[in-house]
C-alpha cells in the first residue's frame, strides 16, 4: 500500500502541463459553472421572496378579516346600534 505522501509525490512527478487550448476549455467550463451557480442562487432568492410575499398576503388577509369582524362587533356594541331606526342595516 502506498502512503499518502508517496502518492502525492508520484502525482507531482507525473503531472501533465496543460496546453493553451485545454486551459481555455477549462476556463470556459469554470465560467459556465460559475454562471449557472449564480443563476441558481438568484432563482432560489426569487423563490424565497415569492413565498414570503404569498405568506404575507395570506396572513394580511386574515388580519384584515379579523379587523373587519372586530369592527362589526364593536359597531354592534355602540348604544345607537341597538336602536330600531338604523337605516344602514
N, C-alpha and C. Protein backbone atom coordinates (compact mmCIF):
# COMPACT_ATOMS: atom_id res chain seq x y z
N UNK A 1 0.85 -1.19 0.00
CA UNK A 1 0.00 0.00 0.00
C UNK A 1 0.89 1.24 0.00
N UNK A 2 0.56 2.18 -0.86
CA UNK A 2 1.33 3.40 -0.98
C UNK A 2 0.80 4.43 0.00
N UNK A 3 1.73 5.05 0.72
CA UNK A 3 1.30 6.07 1.69
C UNK A 3 0.81 7.31 0.96
N UNK A 4 0.15 8.15 1.70
CA UNK A 4 -0.43 9.36 1.13
C UNK A 4 0.65 10.29 0.59
N UNK A 5 1.79 10.38 1.32
CA UNK A 5 2.89 11.26 0.90
C UNK A 5 3.50 10.75 -0.40
N UNK A 6 3.69 9.43 -0.50
CA UNK A 6 4.25 8.86 -1.73
C UNK A 6 3.31 9.08 -2.91
N UNK A 7 2.04 8.90 -2.67
CA UNK A 7 1.06 9.10 -3.73
C UNK A 7 1.10 10.55 -4.23
N UNK A 8 1.23 11.49 -3.29
CA UNK A 8 1.31 12.90 -3.66
C UNK A 8 2.55 13.18 -4.49
N UNK A 9 3.66 12.58 -4.10
CA UNK A 9 4.91 12.78 -4.85
C UNK A 9 4.82 12.19 -6.25
N UNK A 10 4.20 11.01 -6.35
CA UNK A 10 4.03 10.39 -7.66
C UNK A 10 3.14 11.25 -8.57
N UNK A 11 2.08 11.77 -8.00
CA UNK A 11 1.19 12.62 -8.80
C UNK A 11 1.93 13.87 -9.26
N UNK A 12 2.77 14.38 -8.39
CA UNK A 12 3.53 15.58 -8.73
C UNK A 12 4.53 15.30 -9.84
N UNK A 13 5.13 14.11 -9.80
CA UNK A 13 6.11 13.74 -10.82
C UNK A 13 5.46 13.61 -12.19
N UNK A 14 4.27 12.99 -12.22
CA UNK A 14 3.62 12.72 -13.49
C UNK A 14 2.60 13.78 -13.90
N UNK A 15 2.64 14.91 -13.21
CA UNK A 15 1.68 15.96 -13.54
C UNK A 15 1.94 16.49 -14.94
N UNK A 16 0.88 16.53 -15.72
CA UNK A 16 0.99 16.93 -17.11
C UNK A 16 0.69 18.43 -17.25
N UNK A 17 1.46 19.10 -18.03
CA UNK A 17 1.21 20.52 -18.30
C UNK A 17 0.06 20.64 -19.30
N UNK A 18 -0.81 21.58 -19.07
CA UNK A 18 -1.94 21.78 -19.96
C UNK A 18 -1.55 22.69 -21.12
N UNK A 19 -2.11 22.39 -22.27
CA UNK A 19 -1.87 23.24 -23.43
C UNK A 19 -2.76 24.47 -23.35
N UNK A 20 -2.53 25.42 -24.22
CA UNK A 20 -3.34 26.64 -24.21
C UNK A 20 -4.80 26.33 -24.50
N UNK A 21 -5.05 25.40 -25.43
CA UNK A 21 -6.43 25.04 -25.76
C UNK A 21 -7.13 24.41 -24.56
N UNK A 22 -6.42 23.52 -23.89
CA UNK A 22 -7.00 22.86 -22.72
C UNK A 22 -7.26 23.87 -21.60
N UNK A 23 -6.32 24.81 -21.43
CA UNK A 23 -6.52 25.84 -20.41
C UNK A 23 -7.74 26.71 -20.76
N UNK A 24 -7.89 27.03 -22.05
CA UNK A 24 -9.04 27.84 -22.48
C UNK A 24 -10.35 27.09 -22.25
N UNK A 25 -10.36 25.78 -22.58
CA UNK A 25 -11.57 24.97 -22.35
C UNK A 25 -11.90 24.89 -20.87
N UNK A 26 -10.85 24.71 -20.05
CA UNK A 26 -11.04 24.63 -18.61
C UNK A 26 -11.59 25.95 -18.05
N UNK A 27 -11.04 27.05 -18.53
CA UNK A 27 -11.51 28.36 -18.08
C UNK A 27 -12.97 28.59 -18.50
N UNK A 28 -13.29 28.18 -19.74
CA UNK A 28 -14.66 28.31 -20.23
C UNK A 28 -15.62 27.48 -19.38
N UNK A 29 -15.21 26.28 -19.04
CA UNK A 29 -16.02 25.40 -18.20
C UNK A 29 -16.22 26.01 -16.81
N UNK A 30 -15.15 26.57 -16.25
CA UNK A 30 -15.25 27.21 -14.94
C UNK A 30 -16.22 28.38 -14.98
N UNK A 31 -16.12 29.19 -16.03
CA UNK A 31 -17.02 30.34 -16.17
C UNK A 31 -18.48 29.88 -16.31
N UNK A 32 -18.68 28.82 -17.09
CA UNK A 32 -20.03 28.26 -17.26
C UNK A 32 -20.60 27.80 -15.92
N UNK A 33 -19.80 27.07 -15.18
CA UNK A 33 -20.25 26.55 -13.88
C UNK A 33 -20.57 27.70 -12.94
N UNK A 34 -19.70 28.72 -12.93
CA UNK A 34 -19.93 29.87 -12.06
C UNK A 34 -21.21 30.61 -12.45
N UNK A 35 -21.44 30.76 -13.76
CA UNK A 35 -22.64 31.45 -14.22
C UNK A 35 -23.91 30.70 -13.80
N UNK A 36 -23.88 29.37 -13.96
CA UNK A 36 -25.06 28.59 -13.57
C UNK A 36 -25.28 28.61 -12.06
N UNK A 37 -24.18 28.63 -11.30
CA UNK A 37 -24.32 28.73 -9.85
C UNK A 37 -24.97 30.06 -9.46
N UNK A 38 -24.56 31.14 -10.12
CA UNK A 38 -25.16 32.45 -9.85
C UNK A 38 -26.64 32.45 -10.22
N UNK A 39 -26.96 31.84 -11.36
CA UNK A 39 -28.37 31.76 -11.77
C UNK A 39 -29.20 30.99 -10.74
N UNK A 40 -28.65 29.87 -10.28
CA UNK A 40 -29.37 29.09 -9.28
C UNK A 40 -29.56 29.87 -7.99
N UNK A 41 -28.56 30.64 -7.62
CA UNK A 41 -28.67 31.46 -6.41
C UNK A 41 -29.77 32.49 -6.56
N UNK A 42 -29.81 33.17 -7.71
CA UNK A 42 -30.86 34.16 -7.95
C UNK A 42 -32.23 33.52 -7.99
N UNK A 43 -32.33 32.34 -8.60
CA UNK A 43 -33.62 31.65 -8.65
C UNK A 43 -34.09 31.29 -7.24
N UNK A 44 -33.15 30.84 -6.42
CA UNK A 44 -33.51 30.48 -5.05
C UNK A 44 -33.99 31.72 -4.28
N UNK A 45 -33.29 32.84 -4.49
CA UNK A 45 -33.72 34.09 -3.84
C UNK A 45 -35.10 34.51 -4.30
N UNK A 46 -35.36 34.42 -5.59
CA UNK A 46 -36.66 34.81 -6.13
C UNK A 46 -37.77 33.91 -5.58
N UNK A 47 -37.48 32.61 -5.50
CA UNK A 47 -38.48 31.69 -4.94
C UNK A 47 -38.79 32.04 -3.48
N UNK A 48 -37.74 32.34 -2.72
CA UNK A 48 -37.93 32.69 -1.31
C UNK A 48 -38.74 33.99 -1.18
N UNK A 49 -38.45 34.98 -2.03
CA UNK A 49 -39.20 36.24 -2.00
C UNK A 49 -40.66 36.00 -2.36
N UNK A 50 -40.89 35.17 -3.37
CA UNK A 50 -42.26 34.88 -3.79
C UNK A 50 -43.03 34.19 -2.66
N UNK A 51 -42.39 33.23 -2.01
CA UNK A 51 -43.03 32.52 -0.91
C UNK A 51 -43.33 33.47 0.25
N UNK A 52 -42.37 34.37 0.53
CA UNK A 52 -42.57 35.33 1.60
C UNK A 52 -43.76 36.26 1.29
N UNK A 53 -43.85 36.71 0.03
CA UNK A 53 -44.97 37.57 -0.35
C UNK A 53 -46.30 36.84 -0.26
N UNK A 54 -46.31 35.58 -0.68
CA UNK A 54 -47.55 34.79 -0.58
C UNK A 54 -47.98 34.62 0.87
N UNK A 55 -46.99 34.35 1.75
CA UNK A 55 -47.33 34.20 3.16
C UNK A 55 -47.83 35.52 3.75
N UNK A 56 -47.17 36.61 3.35
CA UNK A 56 -47.60 37.92 3.84
C UNK A 56 -49.03 38.22 3.40
N UNK A 57 -49.33 37.92 2.14
CA UNK A 57 -50.69 38.13 1.63
C UNK A 57 -51.69 37.29 2.42
N UNK A 58 -51.32 36.04 2.65
CA UNK A 58 -52.22 35.12 3.36
C UNK A 58 -52.52 35.65 4.76
N UNK A 59 -51.49 36.03 5.49
CA UNK A 59 -51.71 36.47 6.86
C UNK A 59 -52.25 37.88 6.94
N UNK A 60 -51.94 38.73 5.96
CA UNK A 60 -52.55 40.06 5.92
C UNK A 60 -54.05 39.93 5.70
N UNK A 61 -54.43 39.00 4.83
CA UNK A 61 -55.86 38.78 4.59
C UNK A 61 -56.54 38.36 5.88
N UNK A 62 -55.91 37.48 6.60
CA UNK A 62 -56.52 37.01 7.85
C UNK A 62 -56.65 38.15 8.86
N UNK A 63 -55.59 38.96 8.96
CA UNK A 63 -55.67 40.06 9.92
C UNK A 63 -56.71 41.08 9.49
N UNK A 64 -56.83 41.32 8.18
CA UNK A 64 -57.85 42.24 7.69
C UNK A 64 -59.24 41.70 8.00
N UNK A 65 -59.43 40.42 7.77
CA UNK A 65 -60.72 39.80 8.07
C UNK A 65 -61.02 39.90 9.56
N UNK A 66 -60.03 39.64 10.39
CA UNK A 66 -60.22 39.72 11.83
C UNK A 66 -60.59 41.14 12.26
N UNK A 67 -59.91 42.12 11.65
CA UNK A 67 -60.23 43.51 11.97
C UNK A 67 -61.65 43.87 11.54
N UNK A 68 -62.06 43.38 10.36
CA UNK A 68 -63.42 43.66 9.89
C UNK A 68 -64.45 43.06 10.85
N UNK A 69 -64.21 41.83 11.28
CA UNK A 69 -65.14 41.19 12.22
C UNK A 69 -65.17 41.93 13.55
N UNK A 70 -64.00 42.36 13.99
CA UNK A 70 -63.92 43.10 15.25
C UNK A 70 -64.65 44.43 15.14
N UNK A 71 -64.49 45.12 14.02
CA UNK A 71 -65.20 46.38 13.80
C UNK A 71 -66.71 46.15 13.81
N UNK A 72 -67.13 45.09 13.17
CA UNK A 72 -68.56 44.77 13.13
C UNK A 72 -69.08 44.53 14.55
N UNK A 73 -68.29 43.79 15.34
CA UNK A 73 -68.67 43.50 16.72
C UNK A 73 -68.71 44.79 17.53
N UNK A 74 -67.69 45.64 17.37
CA UNK A 74 -67.65 46.88 18.13
C UNK A 74 -68.77 47.83 17.73
N UNK A 75 -69.13 47.83 16.46
CA UNK A 75 -70.23 48.68 16.00
C UNK A 75 -71.53 48.25 16.66
N UNK A 76 -71.72 46.95 16.79
CA UNK A 76 -72.97 46.48 17.40
C UNK A 76 -73.00 46.74 18.90
N UNK A 77 -71.86 47.00 19.50
CA UNK A 77 -71.85 47.30 20.93
C UNK A 77 -72.18 48.76 21.22
N UNK A 78 -72.16 49.60 20.23
CA UNK A 78 -72.45 51.02 20.44
C UNK A 78 -73.92 51.19 20.82
N UNK A 79 -74.18 52.18 21.63
CA UNK A 79 -75.57 52.36 22.09
C UNK A 79 -76.56 52.65 20.97
N UNK A 80 -76.16 53.46 19.99
CA UNK A 80 -77.11 53.79 18.93
C UNK A 80 -77.32 52.63 17.95
N UNK A 81 -76.48 51.59 18.03
CA UNK A 81 -76.62 50.45 17.14
C UNK A 81 -77.82 49.60 17.51
N UNK A 82 -78.28 49.72 18.75
CA UNK A 82 -79.40 48.89 19.21
C UNK A 82 -80.75 49.54 18.92
N UNK A 83 -80.72 50.74 18.37
CA UNK A 83 -81.99 51.41 18.03
C UNK A 83 -82.66 50.72 16.85
N UNK A 84 -83.95 50.89 16.75
CA UNK A 84 -84.70 50.24 15.70
C UNK A 84 -84.63 50.98 14.36
N UNK A 85 -84.29 52.24 14.37
CA UNK A 85 -84.33 53.05 13.14
C UNK A 85 -82.97 53.11 12.44
N UNK A 86 -82.24 52.05 12.43
CA UNK A 86 -80.97 52.02 11.70
C UNK A 86 -81.25 51.79 10.21
N UNK A 87 -81.09 52.83 9.44
CA UNK A 87 -81.39 52.73 8.01
C UNK A 87 -80.26 52.06 7.21
N UNK A 88 -79.06 52.00 7.79
CA UNK A 88 -77.93 51.45 7.06
C UNK A 88 -77.78 49.95 7.21
N UNK A 89 -78.62 49.29 7.99
CA UNK A 89 -78.50 47.84 8.14
C UNK A 89 -79.21 47.10 7.04
